[in-house]
Protein backbone atom coordinates (compact mmCIF):
# COMPACT_ATOMS: atom_id res chain seq x y z
CA MET A 1 25.08 1.46 12.41
CA PRO A 2 21.84 0.82 13.65
CA ALA A 3 21.32 -3.37 14.81
CA TRP A 4 18.52 -4.22 12.50
CA LEU A 5 20.65 -2.57 9.33
CA ILE A 6 22.79 -5.71 9.42
CA PRO A 7 20.03 -8.73 9.04
CA ALA A 8 18.19 -5.96 6.89
CA LEU A 9 21.55 -6.02 4.46
CA LYS A 10 22.12 -9.85 4.88
CA ALA A 11 18.55 -10.61 3.71
CA VAL A 12 18.65 -8.13 0.42
CA LEU A 13 22.05 -8.77 -0.45
CA PRO A 14 21.56 -11.95 -2.11
CA HIS A 15 18.76 -10.68 -4.21
CA VAL A 16 20.54 -7.35 -5.42
CA ALA A 17 21.29 -9.15 -8.95
CA THR A 18 17.70 -10.33 -9.47
CA ILE A 19 16.74 -6.88 -8.90
CA ILE A 20 19.31 -5.42 -10.97
CA SER A 21 18.81 -7.89 -13.85
CA THR A 22 15.31 -7.19 -13.79
CA ALA A 23 15.63 -3.32 -13.74
CA THR A 24 17.99 -2.83 -16.48
CA PRO A 25 16.65 -2.25 -20.00
CA VAL A 26 16.35 -5.03 -22.46
CA PHE A 27 16.88 -2.92 -25.26
CA THR A 28 18.87 -3.37 -28.58
CA LYS A 29 22.60 -2.27 -27.93
CA LYS A 30 23.92 -0.18 -30.84
CA LYS A 31 26.69 -1.74 -33.35
CA ASP A 32 29.01 -0.02 -34.99
CA ASP A 33 27.80 -1.29 -38.54
CA ALA A 34 27.26 0.83 -41.65
CA ALA A 35 24.32 3.91 -41.74
CA ALA A 36 22.14 1.55 -43.55
CA SER A 37 21.69 -0.94 -40.50
CA GLN A 38 21.09 2.27 -38.29
CA SER A 39 17.86 2.60 -39.62
CA LEU A 40 17.07 -0.82 -39.15
CA LEU A 41 18.51 -0.60 -35.53
CA LEU A 42 16.36 2.76 -34.83
CA GLN A 43 13.33 1.04 -36.11
CA GLN A 44 13.96 -2.01 -33.91
CA GLN A 45 14.55 0.11 -31.02
CA ILE A 46 11.11 1.94 -31.80
CA THR A 47 9.29 -1.38 -31.79
CA GLU A 48 10.97 -2.26 -28.77
CA LEU A 49 10.00 1.05 -26.88
CA GLN A 50 6.39 0.67 -27.92
CA GLY A 51 6.08 -2.97 -26.79
CA ALA A 52 7.63 -1.42 -23.56
CA ALA A 53 5.12 1.29 -23.49
CA SER A 54 2.45 -1.22 -24.12
CA GLN A 55 3.24 -3.17 -21.28
CA ASN A 56 3.93 -0.54 -18.96
CA ALA A 57 0.32 0.68 -19.46
CA ALA A 58 -1.49 -2.59 -19.10
CA HIS A 59 0.68 -2.76 -15.86
CA ILE A 60 -0.38 0.67 -14.89
CA ARG A 61 -3.95 -0.26 -15.51
CA LYS A 62 -3.84 -3.53 -13.36
CA LEU A 63 -2.41 -1.31 -10.42
CA ALA A 64 -5.22 1.17 -10.58
CA GLU A 65 -7.94 -1.40 -10.71
CA GLN A 66 -5.71 -3.00 -7.28
CA LEU A 67 -5.90 0.37 -6.22
CA GLN A 68 -9.16 1.17 -6.66
CA GLU A 69 -10.15 -2.36 -4.78
CA THR A 70 -7.88 -1.22 -1.89
CA VAL A 71 -9.42 2.04 -1.72
CA ALA A 72 -13.26 0.31 -1.69
CA ALA A 73 -11.81 -1.74 1.19
CA LEU A 74 -10.52 0.93 3.06
CA GLU A 75 -14.17 2.61 3.08
CA GLN A 76 -15.76 -0.54 3.88
CA ALA A 77 -13.34 -0.66 6.87
CA ALA A 78 -13.81 3.23 7.58
CA THR A 79 -17.52 2.53 7.96
CA LEU A 80 -17.38 -0.11 9.87
CA ALA A 81 -15.32 1.20 12.36
CA ASP A 82 -17.35 4.25 12.55
CA THR A 83 -20.40 2.02 13.18
CA ARG A 84 -18.25 0.32 16.12
CA LEU A 85 -17.13 3.26 17.50
CA ARG A 86 -20.70 5.16 18.12
CA ARG A 87 -21.59 1.63 19.32
CA ALA A 88 -18.71 1.59 22.00
CA TYR A 89 -19.29 5.61 22.48
CA LEU A 90 -23.10 4.67 23.33
CA LEU A 91 -22.60 2.00 25.80
CA CYS A 92 -20.08 4.46 27.48
CA VAL A 93 -22.67 7.18 28.08
CA VAL A 94 -25.25 4.52 29.37
CA ALA A 95 -22.46 3.16 31.91
CA THR A 96 -21.79 6.58 33.03
CA ALA A 97 -25.28 7.36 33.44
CA LEU A 98 -25.77 4.17 35.34
CA SER A 99 -22.83 4.94 37.50
CA ALA A 100 -23.52 8.15 38.47
CA VAL A 101 -27.49 6.79 39.37
CA SER A 102 -25.71 3.98 41.35
CA LEU A 103 -23.40 6.54 42.98
CA GLY A 104 -26.59 8.71 43.49
CA LEU A 105 -28.67 6.01 45.05
CA ALA A 106 -25.17 5.10 47.49
CA LEU A 107 -25.19 8.30 48.47
CA PHE A 108 -28.68 8.65 49.72
CA VAL A 109 -28.60 5.33 51.49
CA ILE A 110 -25.38 6.34 53.25
CA PHE A 111 -26.55 10.01 54.00
CA ALA A 112 -30.50 9.08 54.55
CA PRO A 113 -32.07 9.72 58.05
């Protein structure tokens, strides 16, 4: 068993009950009453499902907005990183050219008559 698994389980296990209670649906449970209440129960379940669907739509809309903001931030960061990379590449080319000139000058001074 990996060494990181035990501390991870110890960190997660206290929150499992909360996660399960949040994830379980809160829909109306069926009762064993007469057929007349069956229609009322069905209507109540439909209302609950519609409410859950509208909540899901609102959450999806918020998630899409957050995703759009994240993608915009990533694009801006990529543009900035590209600019910095071009600047670093230009500095490397200039440094290489200066190194070649200094090496040539040093060799000229060493081997000059």
